[in-house]
Amino acid sequence: MKNVTKLTSVNVLEDVYNKFKVKAVNSDINLQKLVNRSLDLYNNDQTYRDKINNHDNLTTTGTKF
């Protein structure tokens, strides 16, 4: 079966993304893998879903993040 993909565009916080790039440089992870794995965990793991839903360290006044 062929993998079906959905092209999307998202806005990410620049400082958070830059920190991710630095940490990911010496590993096998990239943004595509991170997003797909995160979406899968969110869909299948209630504990992970709760953790993501309750994570508020990125809240910045006036933003949608």
N, C-alpha and C. Protein backbone atom coordinates (compact mmCIF):
# COMPACT_ATOMS: atom_id res chain seq x y z
N MET A 1 0.84 -1.18 0.00
CA MET A 1 0.00 0.00 0.00
C MET A 1 0.89 1.25 0.00
N LYS A 2 0.55 2.18 -0.82
CA LYS A 2 1.30 3.42 -0.94
C LYS A 2 0.98 4.35 0.23
N ASN A 3 2.01 4.97 0.80
CA ASN A 3 1.79 5.96 1.85
C ASN A 3 1.15 7.21 1.24
N VAL A 4 0.11 7.66 1.85
CA VAL A 4 -0.55 8.87 1.40
C VAL A 4 -0.13 9.99 2.34
N THR A 5 0.26 11.11 1.78
CA THR A 5 0.69 12.24 2.59
C THR A 5 -0.21 13.43 2.34
N LYS A 6 -0.23 14.33 3.29
CA LYS A 6 -1.01 15.56 3.21
C LYS A 6 -0.04 16.72 3.39
N LEU A 7 0.04 17.57 2.38
CA LEU A 7 0.90 18.74 2.48
C LEU A 7 0.17 19.83 3.25
N THR A 8 0.81 20.31 4.31
CA THR A 8 0.24 21.38 5.12
C THR A 8 1.30 22.44 5.34
N SER A 9 0.88 23.57 5.81
CA SER A 9 1.85 24.57 6.23
C SER A 9 1.45 25.02 7.62
N VAL A 10 2.44 25.15 8.46
CA VAL A 10 2.21 25.57 9.84
C VAL A 10 3.20 26.66 10.19
N ASN A 11 2.84 27.47 11.12
CA ASN A 11 3.74 28.48 11.66
C ASN A 11 4.33 27.94 12.95
N VAL A 12 5.64 28.02 13.07
CA VAL A 12 6.30 27.58 14.30
C VAL A 12 7.03 28.76 14.91
N LEU A 13 7.17 28.73 16.20
CA LEU A 13 7.91 29.77 16.89
C LEU A 13 9.38 29.65 16.54
N GLU A 14 9.96 30.72 16.08
CA GLU A 14 11.33 30.69 15.56
C GLU A 14 12.35 30.21 16.60
N ASP A 15 12.26 30.72 17.82
CA ASP A 15 13.24 30.32 18.84
C ASP A 15 13.11 28.85 19.20
N VAL A 16 11.88 28.34 19.25
CA VAL A 16 11.66 26.92 19.56
C VAL A 16 12.21 26.06 18.42
N TYR A 17 11.95 26.47 17.19
CA TYR A 17 12.45 25.72 16.03
C TYR A 17 13.97 25.74 15.97
N ASN A 18 14.58 26.87 16.25
CA ASN A 18 16.04 26.94 16.24
C ASN A 18 16.67 26.04 17.29
N LYS A 19 16.06 25.97 18.46
CA LYS A 19 16.56 25.06 19.50
C LYS A 19 16.42 23.61 19.06
N PHE A 20 15.31 23.29 18.39
CA PHE A 20 15.11 21.94 17.87
C PHE A 20 16.20 21.59 16.85
N LYS A 21 16.49 22.50 15.92
CA LYS A 21 17.50 22.24 14.90
C LYS A 21 18.85 21.94 15.51
N VAL A 22 19.22 22.67 16.55
CA VAL A 22 20.50 22.45 17.22
C VAL A 22 20.53 21.06 17.86
N LYS A 23 19.46 20.69 18.51
CA LYS A 23 19.42 19.38 19.18
C LYS A 23 19.32 18.24 18.18
N ALA A 24 18.70 18.47 17.04
CA ALA A 24 18.47 17.41 16.06
C ALA A 24 19.66 17.17 15.13
N VAL A 25 20.62 18.07 15.13
CA VAL A 25 21.71 17.99 14.16
C VAL A 25 22.50 16.69 14.28
N ASN A 26 22.67 16.15 15.45
CA ASN A 26 23.44 14.92 15.65
C ASN A 26 22.56 13.70 15.89
N SER A 27 21.31 13.79 15.50
CA SER A 27 20.42 12.65 15.69
C SER A 27 19.75 12.30 14.37
N ASP A 28 18.93 11.29 14.41
CA ASP A 28 18.24 10.83 13.21
C ASP A 28 16.87 11.47 13.06
N ILE A 29 16.54 12.44 13.90
CA ILE A 29 15.21 13.06 13.88
C ILE A 29 15.23 14.31 13.00
N ASN A 30 14.14 14.54 12.33
CA ASN A 30 13.95 15.78 11.58
C ASN A 30 12.52 16.25 11.86
N LEU A 31 12.17 17.42 11.37
CA LEU A 31 10.86 17.97 11.69
C LEU A 31 9.74 17.08 11.17
N GLN A 32 9.91 16.50 9.99
CA GLN A 32 8.90 15.62 9.42
C GLN A 32 8.64 14.43 10.33
N LYS A 33 9.72 13.78 10.79
CA LYS A 33 9.57 12.63 11.69
C LYS A 33 8.93 13.05 13.01
N LEU A 34 9.38 14.17 13.53
CA LEU A 34 8.84 14.64 14.80
C LEU A 34 7.33 14.90 14.71
N VAL A 35 6.91 15.55 13.65
CA VAL A 35 5.49 15.87 13.48
C VAL A 35 4.68 14.58 13.32
N ASN A 36 5.13 13.68 12.45
CA ASN A 36 4.38 12.44 12.24
C ASN A 36 4.30 11.60 13.51
N ARG A 37 5.40 11.49 14.22
CA ARG A 37 5.40 10.71 15.46
C ARG A 37 4.54 11.38 16.53
N SER A 38 4.61 12.69 16.60
CA SER A 38 3.80 13.42 17.58
C SER A 38 2.31 13.27 17.29
N LEU A 39 1.95 13.36 16.01
CA LEU A 39 0.54 13.19 15.64
C LEU A 39 0.06 11.78 15.96
N ASP A 40 0.89 10.78 15.70
CA ASP A 40 0.52 9.40 16.00
C ASP A 40 0.35 9.20 17.51
N LEU A 41 1.29 9.71 18.29
CA LEU A 41 1.17 9.60 19.74
C LEU A 41 -0.06 10.35 20.25
N TYR A 42 -0.30 11.51 19.71
CA TYR A 42 -1.47 12.29 20.13
C TYR A 42 -2.76 11.51 19.86
N ASN A 43 -2.82 10.84 18.73
CA ASN A 43 -4.01 10.08 18.36
C ASN A 43 -4.18 8.79 19.16
N ASN A 44 -3.07 8.22 19.65
CA ASN A 44 -3.13 6.88 20.23
C ASN A 44 -2.75 6.77 21.71
N ASP A 45 -2.26 7.82 22.29
CA ASP A 45 -1.77 7.75 23.67
C ASP A 45 -2.42 8.86 24.50
N GLN A 46 -3.34 8.48 25.34
CA GLN A 46 -4.08 9.45 26.16
C GLN A 46 -3.15 10.27 27.07
N THR A 47 -2.13 9.64 27.63
CA THR A 47 -1.20 10.35 28.50
C THR A 47 -0.45 11.43 27.73
N TYR A 48 0.01 11.08 26.54
CA TYR A 48 0.71 12.07 25.70
C TYR A 48 -0.25 13.19 25.31
N ARG A 49 -1.47 12.84 24.94
CA ARG A 49 -2.48 13.84 24.56
C ARG A 49 -2.73 14.81 25.70
N ASP A 50 -2.89 14.28 26.91
CA ASP A 50 -3.10 15.14 28.08
C ASP A 50 -1.90 16.05 28.32
N LYS A 51 -0.70 15.49 28.16
CA LYS A 51 0.51 16.28 28.37
C LYS A 51 0.58 17.43 27.37
N ILE A 52 0.28 17.16 26.11
CA ILE A 52 0.30 18.20 25.08
C ILE A 52 -0.80 19.23 25.33
N ASN A 53 -1.99 18.76 25.64
CA ASN A 53 -3.12 19.67 25.87
C ASN A 53 -2.89 20.59 27.06
N ASN A 54 -2.13 20.13 28.03
CA ASN A 54 -1.91 20.91 29.24
C ASN A 54 -0.59 21.68 29.25
N HIS A 55 0.19 21.54 28.21
CA HIS A 55 1.49 22.23 28.12
C HIS A 55 1.24 23.71 27.80
N ASP A 56 1.64 24.57 28.69
CA ASP A 56 1.37 25.99 28.49
C ASP A 56 2.62 26.86 28.57
N ASN A 57 3.79 26.26 28.46
CA ASN A 57 5.03 27.03 28.52
C ASN A 57 5.24 27.92 27.29
N LEU A 58 4.50 27.70 26.21
CA LEU A 58 4.67 28.48 24.99
C LEU A 58 3.67 29.61 24.88
N THR A 59 2.82 29.76 25.85
CA THR A 59 1.80 30.79 25.79
C THR A 59 2.46 32.17 25.79
N THR A 60 2.20 32.91 24.75
CA THR A 60 2.69 34.27 24.61
C THR A 60 1.50 35.18 24.39
N THR A 61 1.44 36.27 25.07
CA THR A 61 0.33 37.19 24.95
C THR A 61 0.10 37.59 23.49
N GLY A 62 -1.12 37.45 23.04
CA GLY A 62 -1.47 37.89 21.69
C GLY A 62 -1.19 36.89 20.59
N THR A 63 -0.77 35.67 20.90
CA THR A 63 -0.52 34.71 19.85
C THR A 63 -1.47 33.54 19.95
N LYS A 64 -1.54 32.76 18.91
CA LYS A 64 -2.40 31.59 18.88
C LYS A 64 -1.70 30.32 19.35
N PHE A 65 -0.45 30.44 19.79
CA PHE A 65 0.32 29.28 20.19
C PHE A 65 0.14 28.97 21.65
